[in-house]
Protein backbone atom coordinates (compact mmCIF):
# COMPACT_ATOMS: atom_id res chain seq x y z
CA MET A 1 99.40 -73.63 45.85
CA ALA A 2 96.60 -71.10 46.26
CA LEU A 3 95.53 -68.07 44.26
CA THR A 4 93.85 -65.19 46.09
CA ILE A 5 90.80 -63.90 44.24
CA THR A 6 91.04 -60.12 44.44
CA THR A 7 89.29 -59.00 41.28
CA LEU A 8 86.09 -59.69 39.40
CA LYS A 9 88.19 -60.88 36.46
CA LEU A 10 89.87 -63.56 38.59
CA LEU A 11 86.53 -64.61 40.10
CA ASN A 12 84.97 -64.83 36.64
CA GLY A 13 87.88 -66.93 35.38
CA TYR A 14 87.62 -69.28 38.36
CA ILE A 15 83.84 -69.76 38.04
CA ASN A 16 84.13 -70.30 34.28
CA GLY A 17 86.76 -72.99 34.87
CA VAL A 18 84.61 -74.73 37.47
CA MET A 19 81.59 -74.60 35.17
CA GLN A 20 83.56 -76.07 32.25
CA ARG A 21 84.94 -78.91 34.39
CA ALA A 22 81.50 -79.60 35.85
CA GLU A 23 79.91 -79.84 32.42
CA HIS A 24 82.41 -82.53 31.42
CA HIS A 25 83.14 -84.40 34.64
CA ALA A 26 80.59 -83.47 37.30
CA GLU A 27 77.16 -83.01 35.80
CA SER A 28 75.64 -83.67 39.25
CA VAL A 29 76.83 -80.20 40.41
CA ASN A 30 76.90 -78.13 37.21
CA GLU A 31 73.85 -76.09 38.30
CA ILE A 32 74.35 -75.71 42.06
CA VAL A 33 77.81 -74.21 41.43
CA LEU A 34 76.18 -70.90 40.56
CA THR A 35 74.15 -70.80 43.78
CA LEU A 36 77.25 -71.67 45.81
CA ALA A 37 79.24 -68.92 44.07
CA GLY A 38 76.60 -66.42 45.16
CA ALA A 39 76.64 -67.77 48.71
CA VAL A 40 80.44 -67.41 48.88
CA ILE A 41 80.25 -63.81 47.67
CA TRP A 42 77.49 -63.13 50.22
CA LYS A 43 79.28 -64.55 53.26
CA ALA A 44 83.03 -64.14 52.69
CA THR A 45 84.56 -61.49 54.91
CA GLN A 46 88.01 -61.68 53.30
CA ASP A 47 89.34 -62.44 49.84
CA VAL A 48 88.69 -66.05 48.86
CA GLU A 49 91.47 -68.36 47.76
CA VAL A 50 91.36 -71.15 45.19
CA ARG A 51 93.63 -74.09 44.64
CA THR A 52 95.84 -74.05 41.59
CA TYR A 53 97.25 -76.99 39.70
CA GLY A 54 100.02 -75.99 37.34
CA ASP A 55 98.92 -72.71 35.83
CA GLU A 56 95.20 -73.46 36.14
CA THR A 57 92.72 -73.08 38.97
CA ALA A 58 91.30 -76.25 40.52
CA ASN A 59 88.10 -77.22 42.30
CA ILE A 60 88.88 -76.22 45.89
CA LEU A 61 87.93 -72.81 47.27
CA TRP A 62 88.65 -71.45 50.75
CA LEU A 63 86.60 -68.69 52.31
CA THR A 64 86.74 -66.96 55.65
CA VAL A 65 83.62 -65.85 57.49
CA GLY A 66 84.53 -63.77 60.53
CA GLN A 67 87.27 -65.75 62.27
CA ASN A 68 86.33 -69.11 60.71
CA ARG A 69 87.81 -70.66 57.59
CA TYR A 70 85.97 -73.11 55.33
CA ALA A 71 86.78 -75.12 52.21
CA LEU A 72 84.47 -75.99 49.35
CA GLY A 73 85.59 -78.89 47.19
CA PHE A 74 84.24 -81.51 44.84
CA ASN A 75 84.10 -85.07 46.18
CA HIS A 76 84.63 -87.38 43.20
CA HIS A 77 83.26 -90.41 45.07
CA SER A 78 79.92 -88.87 46.06
CA GLY A 79 79.60 -86.51 43.10
CA GLU A 80 78.84 -83.63 45.48
CA ILE A 81 80.46 -80.37 46.50
CA GLU A 82 81.32 -80.49 50.19
CA LEU A 83 81.68 -77.64 52.65
CA HIS A 84 84.43 -78.46 55.13
CA GLU A 85 85.47 -76.87 58.39
CA ARG A 86 88.90 -75.18 58.05
CA THR A 87 90.55 -77.33 55.34
CA GLN A 88 89.56 -79.65 52.52
CA ASN A 89 90.16 -82.52 54.97
CA GLY A 90 88.17 -80.94 57.80
CA ILE A 91 84.80 -82.01 59.11
CA VAL A 92 82.14 -82.03 56.37
CA LEU A 93 79.49 -79.49 57.36
CA ALA A 94 77.24 -79.91 54.31
CA SER A 95 77.11 -81.49 50.86
CA PHE A 96 75.51 -80.02 47.76
CA SER A 97 74.41 -81.31 44.36
CA ASN A 98 71.93 -80.21 41.72
CA LYS A 99 69.26 -81.75 43.97
CA SER A 100 70.04 -79.09 46.61
CA THR A 101 67.80 -76.04 46.61
CA ALA A 102 68.83 -72.42 46.87
CA GLU A 103 66.99 -72.35 50.21
CA GLN A 104 69.12 -75.22 51.52
CA VAL A 105 72.30 -73.43 50.46
CA LYS A 106 71.08 -70.23 52.11
CA GLN A 107 70.31 -72.05 55.37
CA VAL A 108 73.78 -73.62 55.52
CA PHE A 109 75.63 -70.40 54.71
CA ASP A 110 73.42 -68.39 57.04
CA ARG A 111 74.78 -70.47 59.94
CA LEU A 112 78.44 -69.76 59.11
């Protein structure tokens, strides 16, 4: 199930949830999450959607840029956040961790 993020309150709640989960289970991405959130806000041309699990949001976000849809999700095996083409199972376009720089994130999102 997906939740459409249409308000700042929903976006804030989603980012807070991701940050809390990252602090406990994904310390390799707990800093780059904030840069990626800014990149999503910068490039999204429609409301973003996030996966829900039960009554809570989960770690997959879909954004549309122009006519193209992308998914951002955490890969538990690599410990990175991956940007996928179209769906969370689509082609991996880029991977991000705390080792990624803001410039690297900007370059990837600039090409979307």
